[in-house]
Amino acid sequence: FSTAKLSSYSENLQTQMTPYASDAAGQLSKDLQLLAGKLQTDMTDAKERSTQYLQELKTMMEQNADDVKNRVGTYTRKLKKRLNKDTEEIRNTVATYMSEMQSPAPYN
């Protein structure tokens, strides 16, 4: 092979391959744009789902907090009622004891 033939072959090959390379580059660009669009859609969907999950978690936590608040309120009312009853019993016992202490003792 001579240099002229190699040069001619190279130019011919380059001329034949340029459209294919250009087509491949164009297809790659389109594929990348489609991929970027799909990725953007997927990211938006993921953001929407995570926002929804966060809202559901917040709602559950609020419901649980309300449930705990209601239970504590019920327990507190029952405890207060029981303490008031016990206090009244102690007052009555002390009053009876004091009354017995103040009354004259019978002599045998």
Protein backbone atom coordinates (compact mmCIF):
# COMPACT_ATOMS: atom_id res chain seq x y z
CA PHE A 1 0.00 0.00 0.00
CA SER A 2 1.14 3.43 -0.82
CA THR A 3 0.61 6.49 1.28
CA ALA A 4 -1.77 7.92 -1.31
CA LYS A 5 -3.86 4.75 -1.27
CA LEU A 6 -3.92 4.72 2.53
CA SER A 7 -4.92 8.37 2.58
CA SER A 8 -7.62 7.73 -0.01
CA TYR A 9 -8.86 4.69 1.90
CA SER A 10 -8.92 6.70 5.14
CA GLU A 11 -10.86 9.56 3.53
CA ASN A 12 -13.29 7.13 1.91
CA LEU A 13 -13.82 5.31 5.21
CA GLN A 14 -14.30 8.60 7.04
CA THR A 15 -16.84 9.75 4.42
CA GLN A 16 -18.76 6.49 4.73
CA MET A 17 -18.66 6.40 8.53
CA THR A 18 -19.55 10.05 9.22
CA PRO A 19 -23.31 9.58 8.61
CA TYR A 20 -23.33 6.50 10.86
CA ALA A 21 -21.42 8.31 13.58
CA SER A 22 -23.72 11.30 13.23
CA ASP A 23 -26.79 9.04 13.40
CA ALA A 24 -25.36 7.22 16.42
CA ALA A 25 -24.63 10.54 18.15
CA GLY A 26 -28.16 11.75 17.38
CA GLN A 27 -29.68 8.51 18.69
CA LEU A 28 -27.52 8.68 21.80
CA SER A 29 -28.66 12.27 22.38
CA LYS A 30 -32.33 11.24 22.01
CA ASP A 31 -31.83 8.26 24.32
CA LEU A 32 -30.17 10.47 26.92
CA GLN A 33 -33.02 12.98 26.71
CA LEU A 34 -35.58 10.19 27.15
CA LEU A 35 -33.61 8.80 30.06
CA ALA A 36 -33.35 12.25 31.67
CA GLY A 37 -37.11 12.74 31.24
CA LYS A 38 -37.85 9.35 32.80
CA LEU A 39 -35.45 10.06 35.64
CA GLN A 40 -37.14 13.42 36.25
CA THR A 41 -40.56 11.74 36.30
CA ASP A 42 -39.33 9.03 38.67
CA MET A 43 -37.78 11.63 40.98
CA THR A 44 -41.02 13.63 41.02
CA ASP A 45 -43.02 10.48 41.76
CA ALA A 46 -40.61 9.53 44.56
CA LYS A 47 -40.91 13.02 46.06
CA GLU A 48 -44.71 12.86 45.93
CA ARG A 49 -44.73 9.40 47.54
CA SER A 50 -42.33 10.46 50.28
CA THR A 51 -44.46 13.55 50.97
CA GLN A 52 -47.55 11.33 51.18
CA TYR A 53 -45.77 8.86 53.49
CA LEU A 54 -44.59 11.71 55.69
CA GLN A 55 -48.14 13.05 55.94
CA GLU A 56 -49.45 9.58 56.83
CA LEU A 57 -46.76 9.22 59.50
CA LYS A 58 -47.62 12.65 60.90
CA THR A 59 -51.32 11.73 61.02
CA MET A 60 -50.54 8.43 62.78
CA MET A 61 -48.35 10.21 65.32
CA GLU A 62 -51.07 12.80 65.99
CA GLN A 63 -53.65 10.03 66.42
CA ASN A 64 -51.33 8.15 68.77
CA ALA A 65 -50.64 11.33 70.74
CA ASP A 66 -54.38 11.99 71.02
CA ASP A 67 -54.93 8.39 72.12
CA VAL A 68 -52.22 8.67 74.79
CA LYS A 69 -53.65 12.02 75.92
CA ASN A 70 -57.13 10.49 76.24
CA ARG A 71 -55.83 7.48 78.15
CA VAL A 72 -53.79 9.63 80.51
CA GLY A 73 -56.82 11.87 81.04
CA THR A 74 -59.01 8.88 81.86
CA TYR A 75 -56.36 7.42 84.18
CA THR A 76 -55.89 10.81 85.89
CA ARG A 77 -59.63 11.17 86.50
CA LYS A 78 -59.85 7.66 87.94
CA LEU A 79 -56.79 8.25 90.11
CA LYS A 80 -58.16 11.58 91.37
CA LYS A 81 -61.50 9.95 92.18
CA ARG A 82 -59.76 7.13 94.05
CA LEU A 83 -57.51 9.57 95.95
CA ASN A 84 -60.51 11.69 96.93
CA LYS A 85 -62.30 8.57 98.19
CA ASP A 86 -59.23 7.42 100.15
CA THR A 87 -58.77 10.92 101.60
CA GLU A 88 -62.41 10.98 102.73
CA GLU A 89 -62.01 7.55 104.35
CA ILE A 90 -58.89 8.74 106.19
CA ARG A 91 -60.71 11.91 107.37
CA ASN A 92 -63.60 9.82 108.66
CA THR A 93 -61.24 7.43 110.42
CA VAL A 94 -59.30 10.31 112.01
CA ALA A 95 -62.53 12.06 113.00
CA THR A 96 -63.81 8.88 114.63
CA TYR A 97 -60.49 8.37 116.41
CA MET A 98 -60.43 12.00 117.63
CA SER A 99 -64.02 11.71 118.80
CA GLU A 100 -63.18 8.58 120.76
CA MET A 101 -60.12 10.28 122.24
CA GLN A 102 -62.15 13.29 123.39
CA SER A 103 -65.03 11.39 124.93
CA PRO A 104 -64.62 10.45 128.58
CA ALA A 105 -63.43 6.93 129.07
CA PRO A 106 -65.76 4.73 131.04
CA TYR A 107 -64.35 3.66 134.41
CA ASN A 108 -64.51 0.10 135.50
